[in-house]
């Protein structure tokens, strides 16, 4: 099982954008934590259970941003 995934995120403008993304992703079953850095345009997700990357990308899209898996 993958325990860590990293995503490149597009469309963020401020710290509130990162908080919104983290809130959406952390609501997914199996996600332990999500940490978004607006400066680097990256979100790092730590998992407690298997979660498909596509589901995390969809959650980020639901928040209004784009995402691509870069590590995981």
PDB file of N, CA and C in Angstrom:
ATOM      1  N   UNK A   1       0.833  -1.185   0.000  1.00  0.00           N
ATOM      2  CA  UNK A   1       0.000   0.000   0.000  1.00  0.00           C
ATOM      3  C   UNK A   1       0.878   1.249   0.000  1.00  0.00           C
ATOM      4  N   UNK A   2       0.476   2.234  -0.747  1.00  0.00           N
ATOM      5  CA  UNK A   2       1.163   3.521  -0.731  1.00  0.00           C
ATOM      6  C   UNK A   2       0.754   4.265   0.531  1.00  0.00           C
ATOM      7  N   UNK A   3       1.711   4.807   1.236  1.00  0.00           N
ATOM      8  CA  UNK A   3       1.384   5.529   2.456  1.00  0.00           C
ATOM      9  C   UNK A   3       1.544   7.032   2.299  1.00  0.00           C
ATOM     10  N   UNK A   4       2.128   7.453   1.175  1.00  0.00           N
ATOM     11  CA  UNK A   4       2.338   8.878   0.931  1.00  0.00           C
ATOM     12  C   UNK A   4       2.192   9.141  -0.559  1.00  0.00           C
ATOM     13  N   UNK A   5       1.444  10.190  -0.898  1.00  0.00           N
ATOM     14  CA  UNK A   5       1.324  10.626  -2.289  1.00  0.00           C
ATOM     15  C   UNK A   5       1.545  12.129  -2.344  1.00  0.00           C
ATOM     16  N   UNK A   6       2.136  12.568  -3.450  1.00  0.00           N
ATOM     17  CA  UNK A   6       2.372  13.998  -3.645  1.00  0.00           C
ATOM     18  C   UNK A   6       1.739  14.421  -4.969  1.00  0.00           C
ATOM     19  N   UNK A   7       1.053  15.556  -4.927  1.00  0.00           N
ATOM     20  CA  UNK A   7       0.354  16.069  -6.094  1.00  0.00           C
ATOM     21  C   UNK A   7       0.806  17.481  -6.410  1.00  0.00           C
ATOM     22  N   UNK A   8       0.963  17.784  -7.706  1.00  0.00           N
ATOM     23  CA  UNK A   8       1.159  19.163  -8.161  1.00  0.00           C
ATOM     24  C   UNK A   8      -0.233  19.747  -8.313  1.00  0.00           C
ATOM     25  N   UNK A   9      -0.453  20.918  -7.721  1.00  0.00           N
ATOM     26  CA  UNK A   9      -1.784  21.526  -7.703  1.00  0.00           C
ATOM     27  C   UNK A   9      -1.732  22.876  -8.417  1.00  0.00           C
ATOM     28  N   UNK A  10      -2.715  23.110  -9.274  1.00  0.00           N
ATOM     29  CA  UNK A  10      -2.794  24.375  -9.998  1.00  0.00           C
ATOM     30  C   UNK A  10      -4.018  25.175  -9.584  1.00  0.00           C
ATOM     31  N   UNK A  11      -3.905  26.489  -9.684  1.00  0.00           N
ATOM     32  CA  UNK A  11      -5.035  27.375  -9.433  1.00  0.00           C
ATOM     33  C   UNK A  11      -5.087  27.996  -8.058  1.00  0.00           C
ATOM     34  N   UNK A  12      -4.089  27.724  -7.214  1.00  0.00           N
ATOM     35  CA  UNK A  12      -4.089  28.299  -5.866  1.00  0.00           C
ATOM     36  C   UNK A  12      -3.559  29.731  -5.911  1.00  0.00           C
ATOM     37  N   UNK A  13      -4.117  30.570  -5.005  1.00  0.00           N
ATOM     38  CA  UNK A  13      -3.704  31.970  -4.961  1.00  0.00           C
ATOM     39  C   UNK A  13      -3.247  32.429  -3.583  1.00  0.00           C
ATOM     40  N   UNK A  14      -3.696  31.701  -2.539  1.00  0.00           N
ATOM     41  CA  UNK A  14      -3.368  32.150  -1.182  1.00  0.00           C
ATOM     42  C   UNK A  14      -3.442  30.976  -0.210  1.00  0.00           C
ATOM     43  N   UNK A  15      -3.128  31.231   1.032  1.00  0.00           N
ATOM     44  CA  UNK A  15      -3.142  30.202   2.046  1.00  0.00           C
ATOM     45  C   UNK A  15      -4.511  29.571   2.249  1.00  0.00           C
ATOM     46  N   UNK A  16      -5.561  30.361   2.053  1.00  0.00           N
ATOM     47  CA  UNK A  16      -6.917  29.820   2.197  1.00  0.00           C
ATOM     48  C   UNK A  16      -7.195  28.736   1.168  1.00  0.00           C
ATOM     49  N   UNK A  17      -6.596  28.865  -0.010  1.00  0.00           N
ATOM     50  CA  UNK A  17      -6.743  27.830  -1.043  1.00  0.00           C
ATOM     51  C   UNK A  17      -6.188  26.508  -0.522  1.00  0.00           C
ATOM     52  N   UNK A  18      -5.028  26.556   0.096  1.00  0.00           N
ATOM     53  CA  UNK A  18      -4.414  25.354   0.641  1.00  0.00           C
ATOM     54  C   UNK A  18      -5.251  24.733   1.745  1.00  0.00           C
ATOM     55  N   UNK A  19      -5.817  25.551   2.599  1.00  0.00           N
ATOM     56  CA  UNK A  19      -6.664  25.039   3.682  1.00  0.00           C
ATOM     57  C   UNK A  19      -7.912  24.368   3.129  1.00  0.00           C
ATOM     58  N   UNK A  20      -8.495  24.951   2.090  1.00  0.00           N
ATOM     59  CA  UNK A  20      -9.681  24.370   1.464  1.00  0.00           C
ATOM     60  C   UNK A  20      -9.365  22.995   0.875  1.00  0.00           C
ATOM     61  N   UNK A  21      -8.236  22.899   0.186  1.00  0.00           N
ATOM     62  CA  UNK A  21      -7.814  21.612  -0.382  1.00  0.00           C
ATOM     63  C   UNK A  21      -7.614  20.584   0.720  1.00  0.00           C
ATOM     64  N   UNK A  22      -6.900  20.954   1.770  1.00  0.00           N
ATOM     65  CA  UNK A  22      -6.648  20.019   2.868  1.00  0.00           C
ATOM     66  C   UNK A  22      -7.960  19.555   3.501  1.00  0.00           C
ATOM     67  N   UNK A  23      -8.912  20.464   3.686  1.00  0.00           N
ATOM     68  CA  UNK A  23     -10.199  20.084   4.260  1.00  0.00           C
ATOM     69  C   UNK A  23     -10.915  19.057   3.388  1.00  0.00           C
ATOM     70  N   UNK A  24     -10.927  19.282   2.075  1.00  0.00           N
ATOM     71  CA  UNK A  24     -11.598  18.355   1.151  1.00  0.00           C
ATOM     72  C   UNK A  24     -10.928  16.983   1.163  1.00  0.00           C
ATOM     73  N   UNK A  25      -9.607  16.972   1.077  1.00  0.00           N
ATOM     74  CA  UNK A  25      -8.876  15.704   0.993  1.00  0.00           C
ATOM     75  C   UNK A  25      -8.973  14.932   2.307  1.00  0.00           C
ATOM     76  N   UNK A  26      -8.886  15.622   3.431  1.00  0.00           N
ATOM     77  CA  UNK A  26      -8.916  14.939   4.727  1.00  0.00           C
ATOM     78  C   UNK A  26     -10.281  14.344   5.049  1.00  0.00           C
ATOM     79  N   UNK A  27     -11.321  14.723   4.319  1.00  0.00           N
ATOM     80  CA  UNK A  27     -12.640  14.122   4.506  1.00  0.00           C
ATOM     81  C   UNK A  27     -12.729  12.730   3.877  1.00  0.00           C
ATOM     82  N   UNK A  28     -11.794  12.376   3.022  1.00  0.00           N
ATOM     83  CA  UNK A  28     -11.828  11.076   2.356  1.00  0.00           C
ATOM     84  C   UNK A  28     -11.468   9.962   3.336  1.00  0.00           C
ATOM     85  N   UNK A  29     -12.243   8.876   3.346  1.00  0.00           N
ATOM     86  CA  UNK A  29     -11.887   7.730   4.185  1.00  0.00           C
ATOM     87  C   UNK A  29     -10.528   7.183   3.770  1.00  0.00           C
ATOM     88  N   UNK A  30      -9.675   6.938   4.755  1.00  0.00           N
ATOM     89  CA  UNK A  30      -8.340   6.394   4.489  1.00  0.00           C
ATOM     90  C   UNK A  30      -7.247   7.433   4.475  1.00  0.00           C
ATOM     91  N   UNK A  31      -7.606   8.715   4.439  1.00  0.00           N
ATOM     92  CA  UNK A  31      -6.604   9.783   4.454  1.00  0.00           C
ATOM     93  C   UNK A  31      -6.321  10.176   5.898  1.00  0.00           C
ATOM     94  N   UNK A  32      -5.042  10.146   6.269  1.00  0.00           N
ATOM     95  CA  UNK A  32      -4.639  10.570   7.615  1.00  0.00           C
ATOM     96  C   UNK A  32      -4.476  12.078   7.669  1.00  0.00           C
ATOM     97  N   UNK A  33      -3.615  12.606   6.775  1.00  0.00           N
ATOM     98  CA  UNK A  33      -3.367  14.043   6.755  1.00  0.00           C
ATOM     99  C   UNK A  33      -3.140  14.511   5.320  1.00  0.00           C
ATOM    100  N   UNK A  34      -3.369  15.788   5.125  1.00  0.00           N
ATOM    101  CA  UNK A  34      -3.079  16.449   3.858  1.00  0.00           C
ATOM    102  C   UNK A  34      -2.401  17.767   4.189  1.00  0.00           C
ATOM    103  N   UNK A  35      -1.283  18.043   3.527  1.00  0.00           N
ATOM    104  CA  UNK A  35      -0.551  19.286   3.760  1.00  0.00           C
ATOM    105  C   UNK A  35      -0.279  19.947   2.417  1.00  0.00           C
ATOM    106  N   UNK A  36      -0.884  21.108   2.213  1.00  0.00           N
ATOM    107  CA  UNK A  36      -0.732  21.835   0.953  1.00  0.00           C
ATOM    108  C   UNK A  36       0.145  23.050   1.164  1.00  0.00           C
ATOM    109  N   UNK A  37       1.121  23.214   0.273  1.00  0.00           N
ATOM    110  CA  UNK A  37       2.034  24.359   0.306  1.00  0.00           C
ATOM    111  C   UNK A  37       1.775  25.191  -0.945  1.00  0.00           C
ATOM    112  N   UNK A  38       1.231  26.373  -0.750  1.00  0.00           N
ATOM    113  CA  UNK A  38       0.890  27.245  -1.876  1.00  0.00           C
ATOM    114  C   UNK A  38       2.144  27.687  -2.618  1.00  0.00           C
ATOM    115  N   UNK A  39       3.244  27.919  -1.903  1.00  0.00           N
ATOM    116  CA  UNK A  39       4.483  28.376  -2.555  1.00  0.00           C
ATOM    117  C   UNK A  39       5.033  27.352  -3.539  1.00  0.00           C
ATOM    118  N   UNK A  40       5.020  26.080  -3.144  1.00  0.00           N
ATOM    119  CA  UNK A  40       5.574  25.036  -4.005  1.00  0.00           C
ATOM    120  C   UNK A  40       4.519  24.422  -4.925  1.00  0.00           C
ATOM    121  N   UNK A  41       3.252  24.785  -4.690  1.00  0.00           N
ATOM    122  CA  UNK A  41       2.118  24.251  -5.446  1.00  0.00           C
ATOM    123  C   UNK A  41       2.052  22.732  -5.353  1.00  0.00           C
ATOM    124  N   UNK A  42       2.224  22.222  -4.132  1.00  0.00           N
ATOM    125  CA  UNK A  42       2.219  20.783  -3.888  1.00  0.00           C
ATOM    126  C   UNK A  42       1.291  20.447  -2.719  1.00  0.00           C
ATOM    127  N   UNK A  43       0.676  19.290  -2.805  1.00  0.00           N
ATOM    128  CA  UNK A  43      -0.096  18.724  -1.704  1.00  0.00           C
ATOM    129  C   UNK A  43       0.489  17.354  -1.403  1.00  0.00           C
ATOM    130  N   UNK A  44       0.827  17.120  -0.136  1.00  0.00           N
ATOM    131  CA  UNK A  44       1.340  15.822   0.301  1.00  0.00           C
ATOM    132  C   UNK A  44       0.254  15.181   1.155  1.00  0.00           C
ATOM    133  N   UNK A  45      -0.120  13.960   0.775  1.00  0.00           N
ATOM    134  CA  UNK A  45      -1.193  13.242   1.455  1.00  0.00           C
ATOM    135  C   UNK A  45      -0.608  11.983   2.088  1.00  0.00           C
ATOM    136  N   UNK A  46      -0.874  11.798   3.383  1.00  0.00           N
ATOM    137  CA  UNK A  46      -0.472  10.593   4.095  1.00  0.00           C
ATOM    138  C   UNK A  46      -1.714   9.741   4.304  1.00  0.00           C
ATOM    139  N   UNK A  47      -1.573   8.440   4.037  1.00  0.00           N
ATOM    140  CA  UNK A  47      -2.716   7.537   4.048  1.00  0.00           C
ATOM    141  C   UNK A  47      -2.637   6.520   5.178  1.00  0.00           C
ATOM    142  N   UNK A  48      -3.811   6.195   5.737  1.00  0.00           N
ATOM    143  CA  UNK A  48      -3.929   5.118   6.714  1.00  0.00           C
ATOM    144  C   UNK A  48      -4.471   3.865   6.040  1.00  0.00           C
ATOM    145  N   UNK A  49      -5.078   4.031   4.866  1.00  0.00           N
ATOM    146  CA  UNK A  49      -5.638   2.919   4.088  1.00  0.00           C
ATOM    147  C   UNK A  49      -5.493   3.276   2.608  1.00  0.00           C
ATOM    148  N   UNK A  50      -5.701   2.290   1.764  1.00  0.00           N
ATOM    149  CA  UNK A  50      -5.555   2.517   0.322  1.00  0.00           C
ATOM    150  C   UNK A  50      -6.623   3.486  -0.190  1.00  0.00           C
ATOM    151  N   UNK A  51      -6.175   4.522  -0.870  1.00  0.00           N
ATOM    152  CA  UNK A  51      -7.062   5.483  -1.522  1.00  0.00           C
ATOM    153  C   UNK A  51      -6.502   5.697  -2.926  1.00  0.00           C
ATOM    154  N   UNK A  52      -7.307   5.507  -3.965  1.00  0.00           N
ATOM    155  CA  UNK A  52      -6.809   5.720  -5.326  1.00  0.00           C
ATOM    156  C   UNK A  52      -6.446   7.197  -5.549  1.00  0.00           C
ATOM    157  N   UNK A  53      -5.356   7.415  -6.257  1.00  0.00           N
ATOM    158  CA  UNK A  53      -4.929   8.784  -6.566  1.00  0.00           C
ATOM    159  C   UNK A  53      -6.042   9.550  -7.269  1.00  0.00           C
ATOM    160  N   UNK A  54      -6.812   8.860  -8.103  1.00  0.00           N
ATOM    161  CA  UNK A  54      -7.897   9.507  -8.841  1.00  0.00           C
ATOM    162  C   UNK A  54      -8.945  10.092  -7.905  1.00  0.00           C
ATOM    163  N   UNK A  55      -9.174   9.442  -6.764  1.00  0.00           N
ATOM    164  CA  UNK A  55     -10.160   9.950  -5.803  1.00  0.00           C
ATOM    165  C   UNK A  55      -9.655  11.223  -5.137  1.00  0.00           C
ATOM    166  N   UNK A  56      -8.361  11.272  -4.849  1.00  0.00           N
ATOM    167  CA  UNK A  56      -7.781  12.478  -4.247  1.00  0.00           C
ATOM    168  C   UNK A  56      -7.806  13.611  -5.261  1.00  0.00           C
ATOM    169  N   UNK A  57      -7.463  13.310  -6.509  1.00  0.00           N
ATOM    170  CA  UNK A  57      -7.516  14.323  -7.568  1.00  0.00           C
ATOM    171  C   UNK A  57      -8.936  14.854  -7.712  1.00  0.00           C
ATOM    172  N   UNK A  58      -9.927  13.972  -7.631  1.00  0.00           N
ATOM    173  CA  UNK A  58     -11.328  14.396  -7.732  1.00  0.00           C
ATOM    174  C   UNK A  58     -11.713  15.311  -6.564  1.00  0.00           C
ATOM    175  N   UNK A  59     -11.234  15.002  -5.363  1.00  0.00           N
ATOM    176  CA  UNK A  59     -11.528  15.851  -4.200  1.00  0.00           C
ATOM    177  C   UNK A  59     -10.908  17.232  -4.374  1.00  0.00           C
ATOM    178  N   UNK A  60      -9.695  17.281  -4.907  1.00  0.00           N
ATOM    179  CA  UNK A  60      -9.045  18.570  -5.158  1.00  0.00           C
ATOM    180  C   UNK A  60      -9.820  19.332  -6.227  1.00  0.00           C
ATOM    181  N   UNK A  61     -10.302  18.628  -7.246  1.00  0.00           N
ATOM    182  CA  UNK A  61     -11.104  19.262  -8.298  1.00  0.00           C
ATOM    183  C   UNK A  61     -12.424  19.794  -7.740  1.00  0.00           C
ATOM    184  N   UNK A  62     -13.021  19.055  -6.810  1.00  0.00           N
ATOM    185  CA  UNK A  62     -14.258  19.507  -6.174  1.00  0.00           C
ATOM    186  C   UNK A  62     -14.040  20.823  -5.430  1.00  0.00           C
ATOM    187  N   UNK A  63     -12.817  21.025  -4.938  1.00  0.00           N
ATOM    188  CA  UNK A  63     -12.481  22.274  -4.244  1.00  0.00           C
ATOM    189  C   UNK A  63     -12.197  23.407  -5.245  1.00  0.00           C
ATOM    190  N   UNK A  64     -12.087  23.054  -6.550  1.00  0.00           N
ATOM    191  CA  UNK A  64     -11.900  24.081  -7.580  1.00  0.00           C
ATOM    192  C   UNK A  64     -10.495  24.196  -8.128  1.00  0.00           C
ATOM    193  N   UNK A  65      -9.675  23.166  -7.932  1.00  0.00           N
ATOM    194  CA  UNK A  65      -8.274  23.227  -8.362  1.00  0.00           C
ATOM    195  C   UNK A  65      -7.936  22.021  -9.241  1.00  0.00           C
ATOM    196  N   UNK A  66      -6.813  22.090  -9.935  1.00  0.00           N
ATOM    197  CA  UNK A  66      -6.351  20.957 -10.729  1.00  0.00           C
ATOM    198  C   UNK A  66      -5.239  20.249  -9.977  1.00  0.00           C
ATOM    199  N   UNK A  67      -5.079  18.963 -10.245  1.00  0.00           N
ATOM    200  CA  UNK A  67      -4.027  18.201  -9.565  1.00  0.00           C
ATOM    201  C   UNK A  67      -3.531  17.077 -10.455  1.00  0.00           C
ATOM    202  N   UNK A  68      -2.229  16.785 -10.308  1.00  0.00           N
ATOM    203  CA  UNK A  68      -1.585  15.699 -11.017  1.00  0.00           C
ATOM    204  C   UNK A  68      -0.685  14.975 -10.029  1.00  0.00           C
ATOM    205  N   UNK A  69      -0.764  13.640  -9.998  1.00  0.00           N
ATOM    206  CA  UNK A  69       0.105  12.854  -9.127  1.00  0.00           C
ATOM    207  C   UNK A  69       1.539  12.975  -9.609  1.00  0.00           C
ATOM    208  N   UNK A  70       2.454  13.349  -8.705  1.00  0.00           N
ATOM    209  CA  UNK A  70       3.872  13.438  -9.068  1.00  0.00           C
ATOM    210  C   UNK A  70       4.714  12.401  -8.328  1.00  0.00           C
ATOM    211  N   UNK A  71       4.221  11.903  -7.196  1.00  0.00           N
ATOM    212  CA  UNK A  71       4.937  10.895  -6.426  1.00  0.00           C
ATOM    213  C   UNK A  71       3.946  10.083  -5.621  1.00  0.00           C
ATOM    214  N   UNK A  72       4.067   8.781  -5.702  1.00  0.00           N
ATOM    215  CA  UNK A  72       3.164   7.996  -4.883  1.00  0.00           C
ATOM    216  C   UNK A  72       3.066   6.580  -5.246  1.00  0.00           C
TER     217      UNK A  72
END
